[in-house]
């Protein structure tokens, strides 16, 4: 698709579309490396409903290396100590995050605070421009290359000419749709409703996954003193849940986790207190073409299990930034898509491992028969007793980190 627009023209090295954690961090890393970068965000404020607020230990370590720890501590966050899976009132599996050798644990911090830290740090650079609200309406293409994009900012159309456009605009990516690159979108069998409750003082900083046959709750401590709860629904089951009524919904939550029954009854007073999330995965063999790169959920949408979406987006930013810097130095025109092939293959392999585990977990949680639930409990107890449990999970949860962020830039 090609659209030239009629408004003013801006010129930059890189246009990043989408100011989620991955896009905002990538724009910051490029700006501090001396690259002229424009970050475009369609929302006018960061204060909106986010669900993915758990930052995995690997990304916590990355942000520490990048110098963000002080700004995040200034806002405040929760260090998560572990997660347990419960069935029939008994814990069948437990992961103590403090036992991993990585030297960090996952944290929960509101995404507006995380993104705000990236934007504040980027604002120190004259070569960084933030456009908000700015909606992507089309790509500028010339001779098969992407040479920029057209944005709508209020009543104005802005044509941003860039040597590279990066689509970091999330699971419903407009950049992906305009790119012409094929995506394999697979619907999962279930969707999620999220809501927040006050966190009891005795709860601590540990998450829980509580299952009852083919229904389950994900219960996570959330900053500053909340619980973030996810409840699975059958695919396209939201209408049925609403038809049955709010009281039936709340009763279902209490059946799975009786300890939440009173809190749910008191604090969930309408459907407006819940937030719906459609669950699907998106797989792409090709993440780039000349002048264009897709990252984060735009390239590889995950399910909410393990909270890996934010983690993968942050790691994408760290892995791709030095490649972009090097390519801009070596190329005079649009950045060739092939320069990203090696990193795309590496990131796609990691995402495939995560998705494979998520699908196995989702399949196990969807079992409703007595035999299926008994087998699920037996498998979890077996994994829980494995002497190499933490080595196995470390490889899955804490992606390979073969060099520091600064080393990656040195190689560039």
Protein backbone atom coordinates (compact mmCIF):
# COMPACT_ATOMS: atom_id res chain seq x y z
CA UNK A 1 0.00 0.00 0.00
CA UNK A 2 1.26 3.47 -0.79
CA UNK A 3 0.02 6.79 0.55
CA UNK A 4 1.81 10.09 0.08
CA UNK A 5 -0.44 12.45 2.01
CA UNK A 6 -0.74 16.19 1.56
CA UNK A 7 0.41 17.66 4.90
CA UNK A 8 3.81 18.68 6.16
CA UNK A 9 6.86 16.47 5.70
CA UNK A 10 9.28 15.35 8.42
CA UNK A 11 12.56 13.55 7.81
CA UNK A 12 14.26 11.16 10.19
CA UNK A 13 16.42 8.06 10.24
CA UNK A 14 13.89 5.80 11.98
CA UNK A 15 10.16 6.07 12.59
CA UNK A 16 8.91 3.80 15.38
CA UNK A 17 5.14 3.27 15.33
CA UNK A 18 3.76 2.40 18.76
CA UNK A 19 4.92 3.53 22.18
CA UNK A 20 4.45 0.33 24.13
CA UNK A 21 7.39 -0.99 26.18
CA UNK A 22 9.19 -2.43 23.13
CA UNK A 23 8.71 0.56 20.85
CA UNK A 24 9.52 3.16 23.52
CA UNK A 25 12.66 1.31 24.60
CA UNK A 26 13.85 0.76 21.02
CA UNK A 27 13.36 4.46 20.24
CA UNK A 28 15.33 5.37 23.36
CA UNK A 29 18.21 3.02 22.54
CA UNK A 30 18.42 4.42 19.02
CA UNK A 31 18.32 8.03 20.23
CA UNK A 32 21.09 7.48 22.75
CA UNK A 33 23.16 5.85 19.99
CA UNK A 34 22.90 9.07 17.95
CA UNK A 35 20.14 8.02 15.56
CA UNK A 36 17.45 10.54 14.58
CA UNK A 37 14.22 8.84 15.66
CA UNK A 38 10.53 9.73 15.70
CA UNK A 39 8.27 7.75 18.04
CA UNK A 40 4.58 7.90 17.08
CA UNK A 41 1.82 6.88 19.51
CA UNK A 42 -1.88 6.91 18.64
CA UNK A 43 -3.05 7.46 22.23
CA UNK A 44 -2.93 10.93 23.72
CA UNK A 45 -2.01 9.71 27.21
CA UNK A 46 -0.27 6.77 28.83
CA UNK A 47 -2.99 6.55 31.47
CA UNK A 48 -5.05 3.79 29.91
CA UNK A 49 -5.91 0.19 30.66
CA UNK A 50 -2.89 -2.08 30.52
CA UNK A 51 -2.87 -5.76 31.44
CA UNK A 52 0.73 -6.88 30.85
CA UNK A 53 2.48 -5.24 33.79
CA UNK A 54 4.69 -8.11 34.94
CA UNK A 55 8.30 -7.71 33.81
CA UNK A 56 10.16 -11.02 33.63
CA UNK A 57 13.46 -11.44 35.47
CA UNK A 58 15.50 -11.36 32.24
CA UNK A 59 14.07 -7.98 31.30
CA UNK A 60 14.51 -6.70 34.85
CA UNK A 61 18.21 -7.50 34.49
CA UNK A 62 18.27 -5.79 31.07
CA UNK A 63 16.66 -2.62 32.42
CA UNK A 64 19.16 -2.63 35.28
CA UNK A 65 22.03 -2.81 32.79
CA UNK A 66 20.52 0.08 30.83
CA UNK A 67 20.43 2.29 33.92
CA UNK A 68 16.67 2.37 34.54
CA UNK A 69 16.63 0.79 37.98
CA UNK A 70 16.71 4.08 39.90
CA UNK A 71 13.82 5.63 37.95
CA UNK A 72 11.72 2.49 38.37
CA UNK A 73 12.44 2.39 42.09
CA UNK A 74 11.51 6.04 42.37
CA UNK A 75 8.05 5.13 41.13
CA UNK A 76 7.90 1.85 43.04
CA UNK A 77 7.19 -1.74 42.03
CA UNK A 78 6.57 -5.17 43.51
CA UNK A 79 9.24 -7.86 43.44
CA UNK A 80 7.50 -11.18 42.85
CA UNK A 81 8.86 -14.05 44.91
CA UNK A 82 7.32 -16.97 43.05
CA UNK A 83 4.23 -18.62 41.61
CA UNK A 84 2.29 -21.72 42.58
CA UNK A 85 -0.30 -23.83 40.81
CA UNK A 86 -3.21 -24.99 42.93
CA UNK A 87 -5.91 -27.62 42.43
CA UNK A 88 -8.56 -28.80 44.88
CA UNK A 89 -7.10 -26.57 47.58
CA UNK A 90 -3.61 -28.06 47.34
CA UNK A 91 -0.49 -26.70 45.72
CA UNK A 92 0.72 -29.12 43.05
CA UNK A 93 3.65 -27.09 41.73
CA UNK A 94 5.73 -24.19 42.97
CA UNK A 95 8.43 -22.01 41.43
CA UNK A 96 10.57 -19.87 43.74
CA UNK A 97 11.95 -17.09 41.53
CA UNK A 98 14.71 -16.43 44.06
CA UNK A 99 16.30 -19.81 43.31
CA UNK A 100 17.22 -18.95 39.71
CA UNK A 101 20.87 -17.97 39.15
CA UNK A 102 19.97 -14.90 37.07
CA UNK A 103 20.26 -12.49 40.00
CA UNK A 104 16.85 -10.85 39.47
CA UNK A 105 13.18 -11.66 40.04
CA UNK A 106 10.11 -10.56 38.06
CA UNK A 107 8.55 -7.26 39.05
CA UNK A 108 5.10 -5.76 38.67
CA UNK A 109 5.01 -2.10 37.67
CA UNK A 110 2.26 -0.18 35.85
CA UNK A 111 3.09 0.15 32.18
CA UNK A 112 2.54 3.93 32.16
CA UNK A 113 5.38 4.22 34.70
CA UNK A 114 7.67 1.93 32.69
CA UNK A 115 7.00 3.67 29.39
CA UNK A 116 7.21 7.05 31.09
CA UNK A 117 10.72 6.21 32.30
CA UNK A 118 11.76 5.44 28.72
CA UNK A 119 10.19 8.63 27.37
CA UNK A 120 11.72 10.83 30.08
CA UNK A 121 15.17 9.41 29.32
CA UNK A 122 14.67 9.88 25.58
CA UNK A 123 13.56 13.50 25.99
CA UNK A 124 17.15 14.37 26.94
CA UNK A 125 18.22 13.80 23.33
CA UNK A 126 17.63 16.48 20.68
CA UNK A 127 17.49 13.75 18.02
CA UNK A 128 14.35 12.21 19.62
CA UNK A 129 10.84 13.36 18.66
CA UNK A 130 7.64 12.09 20.27
CA UNK A 131 4.38 12.47 18.33
CA UNK A 132 1.18 11.86 20.30
CA UNK A 133 -1.56 11.39 19.38
CA UNK A 134 -0.47 10.23 15.93
CA UNK A 135 -2.34 7.52 14.04
CA UNK A 136 -0.74 5.53 11.22
CA UNK A 137 -2.84 5.80 8.05
CA UNK A 138 -0.49 4.46 5.38
CA UNK A 139 3.03 3.51 4.37
CA UNK A 140 5.05 5.48 1.84
CA UNK A 141 6.46 3.06 -0.73
CA UNK A 142 8.78 3.68 -3.65
CA UNK A 143 10.08 0.99 -6.00
CA UNK A 144 9.13 -1.79 -3.57
CA UNK A 145 10.79 -0.14 -0.58
CA UNK A 146 9.12 1.41 2.44
CA UNK A 147 10.38 4.99 2.64
CA UNK A 148 8.25 6.31 5.47
CA UNK A 149 4.67 6.58 6.66
CA UNK A 150 1.72 8.95 6.78
CA UNK A 151 0.37 9.85 10.21
CA UNK A 152 -2.75 11.71 11.25
CA UNK A 153 -2.16 14.09 14.15
CA UNK A 154 -5.41 15.84 15.00
CA UNK A 155 -6.60 17.54 11.81
CA UNK A 156 -3.13 17.41 10.22
CA UNK A 157 -1.56 14.77 8.02
CA UNK A 158 2.17 14.36 8.46
CA UNK A 159 4.37 12.46 6.04
CA UNK A 160 7.40 11.09 7.91
CA UNK A 161 10.20 10.16 5.51
CA UNK A 162 12.45 7.57 7.12
CA UNK A 163 15.12 5.07 6.16
CA UNK A 164 13.42 2.53 8.42
CA UNK A 165 9.87 2.21 9.75
CA UNK A 166 9.53 -0.04 12.80
CA UNK A 167 6.09 -1.42 13.59
CA UNK A 168 5.84 -1.83 17.36
CA UNK A 169 2.11 -1.21 17.53
CA UNK A 170 0.95 -4.32 19.33
CA UNK A 171 -1.16 -7.39 18.81
CA UNK A 172 -3.61 -5.65 16.44
CA UNK A 173 -0.77 -3.97 14.53
CA UNK A 174 -1.81 -1.59 11.75
CA UNK A 175 1.78 -1.64 10.48
CA UNK A 176 1.60 -5.41 10.08
CA UNK A 177 -1.65 -5.13 8.13
CA UNK A 178 -0.19 -2.49 5.80
CA UNK A 179 3.14 -4.28 5.34
CA UNK A 180 1.85 -7.04 3.08
CA UNK A 181 3.85 -9.57 5.10
CA UNK A 182 1.93 -12.80 5.79
CA UNK A 183 0.93 -13.60 9.36
CA UNK A 184 -0.41 -16.91 10.68
CA UNK A 185 -2.98 -15.86 13.29
CA UNK A 186 -4.21 -18.77 15.42
CA UNK A 187 -7.11 -18.32 17.81
CA UNK A 188 -6.75 -20.05 21.16
CA UNK A 189 -9.68 -22.02 22.51
CA UNK A 190 -10.36 -19.53 25.31
CA UNK A 191 -10.34 -15.81 26.05
CA UNK A 192 -9.77 -13.91 29.30
CA UNK A 193 -11.48 -11.41 31.55
CA UNK A 194 -9.17 -9.38 33.79
CA UNK A 195 -10.04 -7.43 36.90
CA UNK A 196 -8.29 -6.01 39.96
CA UNK A 197 -9.02 -6.44 43.64
CA UNK A 198 -7.48 -5.06 46.85
CA UNK A 199 -4.68 -7.39 47.94
CA UNK A 200 -5.04 -8.84 51.44
CA UNK A 201 -2.06 -8.02 53.64
CA UNK A 202 -1.31 -11.70 54.26
CA UNK A 203 -1.22 -12.52 50.53
CA UNK A 204 2.43 -11.61 50.06
CA UNK A 205 4.16 -11.19 46.69
CA UNK A 206 3.53 -14.60 45.18
CA UNK A 207 1.31 -15.36 42.20
CA UNK A 208 -1.11 -18.25 41.96
CA UNK A 209 -2.68 -20.21 39.15
CA UNK A 210 -5.81 -21.91 40.52
CA UNK A 211 -7.56 -24.56 38.41
CA UNK A 212 -10.92 -26.29 38.79
CA UNK A 213 -11.45 -28.77 36.00
CA UNK A 214 -11.34 -26.69 32.76
CA UNK A 215 -11.65 -23.31 34.50
CA UNK A 216 -8.80 -21.40 36.02
CA UNK A 217 -7.75 -18.12 37.55
CA UNK A 218 -4.40 -16.36 37.23
CA UNK A 219 -3.91 -14.30 40.39
CA UNK A 220 -0.92 -11.95 40.47
CA UNK A 221 0.18 -9.31 42.99
CA UNK A 222 -0.03 -5.88 41.37
CA UNK A 223 1.48 -2.55 42.37
CA UNK A 224 0.90 -1.00 44.79
CA UNK A 225 -1.53 -3.11 46.86
CA UNK A 226 -3.73 -4.96 44.39
CA UNK A 227 -4.35 -8.38 42.91
CA UNK A 228 -4.66 -8.68 39.14
CA UNK A 229 -6.95 -11.61 38.34
CA UNK A 230 -7.50 -13.29 34.99
CA UNK A 231 -10.48 -15.60 34.43
CA UNK A 232 -10.71 -17.84 31.38
CA UNK A 233 -13.78 -17.90 29.16
CA UNK A 234 -14.66 -20.16 26.24
CA UNK A 235 -13.84 -18.54 22.91
CA UNK A 236 -16.51 -15.95 22.14
CA UNK A 237 -18.01 -16.74 25.55
CA UNK A 238 -18.26 -13.18 26.85
CA UNK A 239 -21.82 -12.72 25.58
CA UNK A 240 -22.92 -15.91 27.30
CA UNK A 241 -21.25 -14.84 30.55
CA UNK A 242 -23.04 -11.51 30.46
CA UNK A 243 -26.33 -13.19 29.63
CA UNK A 244 -25.99 -15.36 32.72
CA UNK A 245 -25.45 -12.25 34.78
CA UNK A 246 -22.81 -10.64 36.96
CA UNK A 247 -23.81 -12.60 40.06
CA UNK A 248 -23.29 -15.91 38.27
CA UNK A 249 -19.88 -14.68 37.10
CA UNK A 250 -18.88 -13.73 40.64
CA UNK A 251 -20.16 -17.04 41.99
CA UNK A 252 -17.96 -18.84 39.45
CA UNK A 253 -14.90 -16.95 40.68
CA UNK A 254 -15.71 -17.86 44.27
CA UNK A 255 -16.11 -21.52 43.33
CA UNK A 256 -12.60 -21.66 41.88
CA UNK A 257 -10.93 -19.52 44.58
CA UNK A 258 -13.10 -19.27 47.72
CA UNK A 259 -10.56 -16.93 49.32
CA UNK A 260 -11.52 -14.29 46.73
CA UNK A 261 -15.29 -14.65 47.07
CA UNK A 262 -15.86 -11.77 49.52
CA UNK A 263 -13.48 -9.44 47.68
CA UNK A 264 -15.17 -10.14 44.36
CA UNK A 265 -18.60 -9.64 45.84
CA UNK A 266 -17.62 -6.27 47.27
CA UNK A 267 -15.49 -4.79 44.50
CA UNK A 268 -16.89 -6.15 41.22
CA UNK A 269 -20.11 -4.16 40.92
CA UNK A 270 -20.53 -4.06 37.13
CA UNK A 271 -19.00 -5.43 33.95
CA UNK A 272 -17.13 -2.13 33.68
CA UNK A 273 -14.90 -3.42 36.49
CA UNK A 274 -13.60 -6.12 34.11
CA UNK A 275 -11.50 -5.94 30.95
CA UNK A 276 -11.82 -8.40 28.06
CA UNK A 277 -8.78 -9.85 26.29
CA UNK A 278 -9.07 -11.89 23.11
CA UNK A 279 -6.46 -14.65 23.13
CA UNK A 280 -4.63 -15.55 19.93
CA UNK A 281 -1.11 -16.06 18.70
CA UNK A 282 0.45 -14.56 15.58
CA UNK A 283 3.42 -16.20 13.88
CA UNK A 284 5.39 -14.57 11.07
CA UNK A 285 8.20 -16.17 9.10
CA UNK A 286 9.26 -12.76 7.77
CA UNK A 287 9.46 -9.79 10.11
CA UNK A 288 11.07 -7.34 7.71
CA UNK A 289 11.23 -6.00 4.17
CA UNK A 290 13.31 -3.19 2.72
CA UNK A 291 12.66 -0.15 4.89
CA UNK A 292 10.42 -1.96 7.38
CA UNK A 293 10.78 -4.06 10.55
CA UNK A 294 8.14 -5.52 12.88
CA UNK A 295 8.89 -6.19 16.56
CA UNK A 296 7.10 -7.26 19.72
CA UNK A 297 3.47 -8.33 19.48
CA UNK A 298 3.28 -6.89 15.97
CA UNK A 299 5.59 -9.73 14.86
CA UNK A 300 4.88 -12.48 17.39
CA UNK A 301 1.76 -12.20 19.52
CA UNK A 302 1.76 -14.40 22.65
CA UNK A 303 -0.92 -15.57 25.04
CA UNK A 304 -0.97 -14.10 28.59
CA UNK A 305 0.44 -17.30 30.15
CA UNK A 306 3.79 -16.57 31.89
CA UNK A 307 3.45 -12.87 31.04
CA UNK A 308 5.98 -13.18 28.23
CA UNK A 309 4.64 -10.56 25.80
CA UNK A 310 6.28 -7.57 27.50
CA UNK A 311 9.46 -9.55 28.09
CA UNK A 312 9.77 -10.55 24.42
CA UNK A 313 9.14 -6.96 23.28
CA UNK A 314 11.84 -5.56 25.59
CA UNK A 315 14.33 -8.18 24.43
CA UNK A 316 13.46 -7.45 20.79
CA UNK A 317 14.41 -3.81 21.38
CA UNK A 318 17.75 -4.77 22.88
CA UNK A 319 18.58 -7.28 20.15
CA UNK A 320 17.52 -5.16 17.17
CA UNK A 321 18.80 -1.72 18.23
CA UNK A 322 22.51 -2.33 17.50
CA UNK A 323 21.63 -3.96 14.15
CA UNK A 324 19.64 -0.86 13.18
CA UNK A 325 22.51 1.42 14.24
CA UNK A 326 25.01 -0.56 12.16
CA UNK A 327 22.73 -0.76 9.13
CA UNK A 328 22.09 2.99 9.13
CA UNK A 329 25.81 3.61 9.21
CA UNK A 330 26.45 1.24 6.30
CA UNK A 331 23.42 2.06 4.10
CA UNK A 332 22.62 5.33 2.37
CA UNK A 333 18.99 4.62 1.52
CA UNK A 334 16.29 2.38 2.98
CA UNK A 335 17.60 -0.28 5.36
CA UNK A 336 17.52 -3.66 3.56
CA UNK A 337 15.26 -6.20 5.21
CA UNK A 338 17.94 -8.89 4.96
CA UNK A 339 20.17 -7.21 7.58
CA UNK A 340 17.73 -8.40 10.26
CA UNK A 341 17.62 -12.07 9.17
CA UNK A 342 20.08 -13.39 11.76
CA UNK A 343 18.46 -11.65 14.73
CA UNK A 344 14.96 -12.50 13.50
CA UNK A 345 15.91 -16.19 13.38
CA UNK A 346 17.29 -15.99 16.93
CA UNK A 347 14.27 -14.14 18.31
CA UNK A 348 11.81 -16.37 16.45
CA UNK A 349 13.41 -19.50 17.93
CA UNK A 350 13.04 -18.11 21.44
CA UNK A 351 9.44 -17.08 20.81
CA UNK A 352 8.69 -20.55 19.42
CA UNK A 353 9.90 -22.13 22.68
CA UNK A 354 7.68 -19.82 24.68
CA UNK A 355 4.64 -20.45 22.47
CA UNK A 356 5.18 -24.21 22.57
CA UNK A 357 5.19 -24.16 26.37
CA UNK A 358 2.17 -21.84 26.47
CA UNK A 359 0.19 -24.16 24.19
CA UNK A 360 1.07 -27.19 26.34
CA UNK A 361 -0.01 -25.26 29.42
CA UNK A 362 -3.23 -24.10 27.78
CA UNK A 363 -4.02 -27.63 26.60
CA UNK A 364 -3.52 -29.00 30.12
CA UNK A 365 -5.68 -26.29 31.68
CA UNK A 366 -8.53 -26.92 29.25
CA UNK A 367 -8.99 -30.55 30.37
CA UNK A 368 -12.41 -31.06 31.95
CA UNK A 369 -12.67 -34.84 32.38
CA UNK A 370 -11.75 -36.57 35.62
CA UNK A 371 -9.00 -38.51 33.86
CA UNK A 372 -7.63 -35.35 32.26
CA UNK A 373 -7.47 -33.39 35.50
CA UNK A 374 -5.91 -36.31 37.39
CA UNK A 375 -3.24 -36.61 34.69
CA UNK A 376 -2.61 -32.84 34.83
CA UNK A 377 -2.05 -32.93 38.59
CA UNK A 378 0.22 -35.96 38.27
CA UNK A 379 2.36 -34.28 35.62
CA UNK A 380 2.69 -31.08 37.63
CA UNK A 381 3.67 -32.95 40.77
CA UNK A 382 6.25 -34.90 38.78
CA UNK A 383 7.77 -31.72 37.33
CA UNK A 384 7.73 -30.13 40.78
CA UNK A 385 9.87 -32.97 42.16
CA UNK A 386 12.42 -33.04 39.33
CA UNK A 387 15.94 -32.32 40.63
CA UNK A 388 16.68 -30.28 37.48
CA UNK A 389 13.39 -28.35 37.59
CA UNK A 390 15.06 -24.98 37.99
CA UNK A 391 17.62 -25.59 35.24
CA UNK A 392 14.82 -26.54 32.85
CA UNK A 393 12.62 -23.58 33.77
CA UNK A 394 15.56 -21.18 33.74
CA UNK A 395 16.09 -21.88 30.06
CA UNK A 396 12.41 -21.24 29.34
CA UNK A 397 11.67 -18.26 31.58
CA UNK A 398 15.04 -16.51 31.41
CA UNK A 399 15.99 -16.24 27.75
CA UNK A 400 19.66 -16.69 26.79
CA UNK A 401 21.59 -13.53 27.53
CA UNK A 402 24.92 -14.22 25.87
CA UNK A 403 26.22 -10.67 26.19
CA UNK A 404 25.38 -7.45 27.97
CA UNK A 405 23.53 -4.64 26.23
CA UNK A 406 26.70 -2.54 26.08
CA UNK A 407 28.57 -5.46 24.50
CA UNK A 408 25.96 -5.62 21.78
CA UNK A 409 26.53 -1.96 20.97
CA UNK A 410 30.28 -2.50 20.98
CA UNK A 411 29.82 -5.21 18.36
CA UNK A 412 27.72 -2.85 16.27
